[in-house]
Amino acid sequence: MAMKDIKPVGALMIGTGGLFGLWALAAMIGGLHRVDWQPTELVRQYLVASGMIQPIHTMVDFYTHIKGIEYIICVMFFVAFPVFFRYVEKRKTTIRS
């Protein structure tokens, strides 16, 4: 596609997307530089800052976290098992004449 085929609105969208992409790349490089180029540490700091994970200081904090995960797994099992059981126990119906 030639550049003259792109309409002004399309060119504006491409330019805006390019600027946002450049900004995101600069932010990622700056973050990696701050944590000595360790991507896993950058991800960990992001998860802590956004509240998705919390530092565990005591055994009670750890146990509470594990119990919460266990309850989520139980609920998922209680939903998935009946669906799986119905799938396994399907029988083919034959038409008798």
C-alpha atoms as a PDB file:
ATOM      1  CA  MET A   1       0.000   0.000   0.000  1.00  0.00           C
ATOM      2  CA  ALA A   2       1.411   3.354  -0.974  1.00  0.00           C
ATOM      3  CA  MET A   3       1.510   6.244   1.498  1.00  0.00           C
ATOM      4  CA  LYS A   4      -0.739   8.354  -0.735  1.00  0.00           C
ATOM      5  CA  ASP A   5      -3.526   5.741  -0.351  1.00  0.00           C
ATOM      6  CA  ILE A   6      -3.703   6.316   3.434  1.00  0.00           C
ATOM      7  CA  LYS A   7      -6.284   8.885   4.474  1.00  0.00           C
ATOM      8  CA  PRO A   8      -5.391  11.612   7.005  1.00  0.00           C
ATOM      9  CA  VAL A   9      -7.353   9.922   9.812  1.00  0.00           C
ATOM     10  CA  GLY A  10      -5.536   6.648   9.196  1.00  0.00           C
ATOM     11  CA  ALA A  11      -2.185   8.419   9.187  1.00  0.00           C
ATOM     12  CA  LEU A  12      -3.090  10.128  12.479  1.00  0.00           C
ATOM     13  CA  MET A  13      -4.017   6.771  14.022  1.00  0.00           C
ATOM     14  CA  ILE A  14      -0.783   5.170  12.820  1.00  0.00           C
ATOM     15  CA  GLY A  15       1.254   8.095  14.137  1.00  0.00           C
ATOM     16  CA  THR A  16      -0.504   8.035  17.524  1.00  0.00           C
ATOM     17  CA  GLY A  17      -0.018   4.278  17.789  1.00  0.00           C
ATOM     18  CA  GLY A  18       3.655   4.674  16.927  1.00  0.00           C
ATOM     19  CA  LEU A  19       4.112   7.317  19.629  1.00  0.00           C
ATOM     20  CA  PHE A  20       2.401   5.134  22.243  1.00  0.00           C
ATOM     21  CA  GLY A  21       4.551   2.189  21.181  1.00  0.00           C
ATOM     22  CA  LEU A  22       7.699   4.276  21.452  1.00  0.00           C
ATOM     23  CA  TRP A  23       6.629   5.513  24.900  1.00  0.00           C
ATOM     24  CA  ALA A  24       5.926   1.940  26.084  1.00  0.00           C
ATOM     25  CA  LEU A  25       9.290   0.735  24.783  1.00  0.00           C
ATOM     26  CA  ALA A  26      11.079   3.606  26.569  1.00  0.00           C
ATOM     27  CA  ALA A  27       9.225   2.815  29.812  1.00  0.00           C
ATOM     28  CA  MET A  28      10.145  -0.875  29.537  1.00  0.00           C
ATOM     29  CA  ILE A  29      13.813  -0.134  28.860  1.00  0.00           C
ATOM     30  CA  GLY A  30      13.905   2.376  31.739  1.00  0.00           C
ATOM     31  CA  GLY A  31      12.317  -0.142  34.100  1.00  0.00           C
ATOM     32  CA  LEU A  32      14.723  -2.893  33.074  1.00  0.00           C
ATOM     33  CA  HIS A  33      17.663  -0.521  33.542  1.00  0.00           C
ATOM     34  CA  ARG A  34      16.470   0.313  37.067  1.00  0.00           C
ATOM     35  CA  VAL A  35      16.341  -3.383  38.105  1.00  0.00           C
ATOM     36  CA  ASP A  36      19.705  -4.274  36.541  1.00  0.00           C
ATOM     37  CA  TRP A  37      18.174  -5.851  33.407  1.00  0.00           C
ATOM     38  CA  GLN A  38      16.277  -8.586  35.302  1.00  0.00           C
ATOM     39  CA  PRO A  39      12.856  -9.083  33.671  1.00  0.00           C
ATOM     40  CA  THR A  40      11.526 -11.298  36.479  1.00  0.00           C
ATOM     41  CA  GLU A  41      12.305  -8.642  39.084  1.00  0.00           C
ATOM     42  CA  LEU A  42      10.527  -6.050  36.949  1.00  0.00           C
ATOM     43  CA  VAL A  43       7.447  -8.287  36.754  1.00  0.00           C
ATOM     44  CA  ARG A  44       7.573  -8.937  40.523  1.00  0.00           C
ATOM     45  CA  GLN A  45       7.754  -5.210  41.274  1.00  0.00           C
ATOM     46  CA  TYR A  46       4.819  -4.566  38.938  1.00  0.00           C
ATOM     47  CA  LEU A  47       2.715  -7.254  40.627  1.00  0.00           C
ATOM     48  CA  VAL A  48       3.514  -5.888  44.095  1.00  0.00           C
ATOM     49  CA  ALA A  49       2.812  -2.287  43.017  1.00  0.00           C
ATOM     50  CA  SER A  50      -0.537  -3.216  41.452  1.00  0.00           C
ATOM     51  CA  GLY A  51      -1.586  -5.253  44.510  1.00  0.00           C
ATOM     52  CA  MET A  52      -1.782  -8.595  42.744  1.00  0.00           C
ATOM     53  CA  ILE A  53       0.704 -10.124  45.152  1.00  0.00           C
ATOM     54  CA  GLN A  54       1.508  -9.028  48.669  1.00  0.00           C
ATOM     55  CA  PRO A  55       4.625  -9.678  50.692  1.00  0.00           C
ATOM     56  CA  ILE A  56       4.124 -12.468  53.242  1.00  0.00           C
ATOM     57  CA  HIS A  57       5.653 -11.670  56.633  1.00  0.00           C
ATOM     58  CA  THR A  58       4.126 -14.226  59.019  1.00  0.00           C
ATOM     59  CA  MET A  59       2.995 -17.835  58.939  1.00  0.00           C
ATOM     60  CA  VAL A  60      -0.612 -16.679  59.365  1.00  0.00           C
ATOM     61  CA  ASP A  61      -0.332 -14.535  56.213  1.00  0.00           C
ATOM     62  CA  PHE A  62       1.057 -17.512  54.308  1.00  0.00           C
ATOM     63  CA  TYR A  63      -1.653 -19.894  55.567  1.00  0.00           C
ATOM     64  CA  THR A  64      -4.423 -17.402  54.739  1.00  0.00           C
ATOM     65  CA  HIS A  65      -3.051 -16.999  51.214  1.00  0.00           C
ATOM     66  CA  ILE A  66      -2.854 -20.773  50.675  1.00  0.00           C
ATOM     67  CA  LYS A  67      -6.397 -21.319  52.014  1.00  0.00           C
ATOM     68  CA  GLY A  68      -7.756 -18.698  49.622  1.00  0.00           C
ATOM     69  CA  ILE A  69      -6.140 -20.429  46.672  1.00  0.00           C
ATOM     70  CA  GLU A  70      -7.439 -23.789  47.922  1.00  0.00           C
ATOM     71  CA  TYR A  71     -11.023 -22.489  48.027  1.00  0.00           C
ATOM     72  CA  ILE A  72     -10.728 -21.180  44.470  1.00  0.00           C
ATOM     73  CA  ILE A  73      -9.462 -24.590  43.296  1.00  0.00           C
ATOM     74  CA  CYS A  74     -12.372 -26.326  45.086  1.00  0.00           C
ATOM     75  CA  VAL A  75     -14.976 -24.101  43.444  1.00  0.00           C
ATOM     76  CA  MET A  76     -13.413 -24.694  40.027  1.00  0.00           C
ATOM     77  CA  PHE A  77     -13.492 -28.462  40.654  1.00  0.00           C
ATOM     78  CA  PHE A  78     -17.151 -28.382  41.763  1.00  0.00           C
ATOM     79  CA  VAL A  79     -18.052 -26.636  38.511  1.00  0.00           C
ATOM     80  CA  ALA A  80     -15.805 -28.658  36.189  1.00  0.00           C
ATOM     81  CA  PHE A  81     -16.462 -32.163  37.516  1.00  0.00           C
ATOM     82  CA  PRO A  82     -20.202 -32.375  36.686  1.00  0.00           C
ATOM     83  CA  VAL A  83     -19.535 -31.009  33.203  1.00  0.00           C
ATOM     84  CA  PHE A  84     -16.750 -33.547  32.684  1.00  0.00           C
ATOM     85  CA  PHE A  85     -18.898 -36.384  34.075  1.00  0.00           C
ATOM     86  CA  ARG A  86     -21.721 -35.577  31.673  1.00  0.00           C
ATOM     87  CA  TYR A  87     -19.258 -35.554  28.794  1.00  0.00           C
ATOM     88  CA  VAL A  88     -17.809 -38.929  29.761  1.00  0.00           C
ATOM     89  CA  GLU A  89     -21.170 -40.586  30.401  1.00  0.00           C
ATOM     90  CA  LYS A  90     -22.768 -39.595  27.103  1.00  0.00           C
ATOM     91  CA  ARG A  91     -24.156 -42.653  25.408  1.00  0.00           C
ATOM     92  CA  LYS A  92     -24.922 -42.951  21.778  1.00  0.00           C
ATOM     93  CA  THR A  93     -28.604 -43.394  21.114  1.00  0.00           C
ATOM     94  CA  THR A  94     -29.459 -45.863  18.427  1.00  0.00           C
ATOM     95  CA  ILE A  95     -32.619 -45.614  16.367  1.00  0.00           C
ATOM     96  CA  ARG A  96     -34.547 -48.858  16.275  1.00  0.00           C
ATOM     97  CA  SER A  97     -36.936 -49.455  13.434  1.00  0.00           C
END
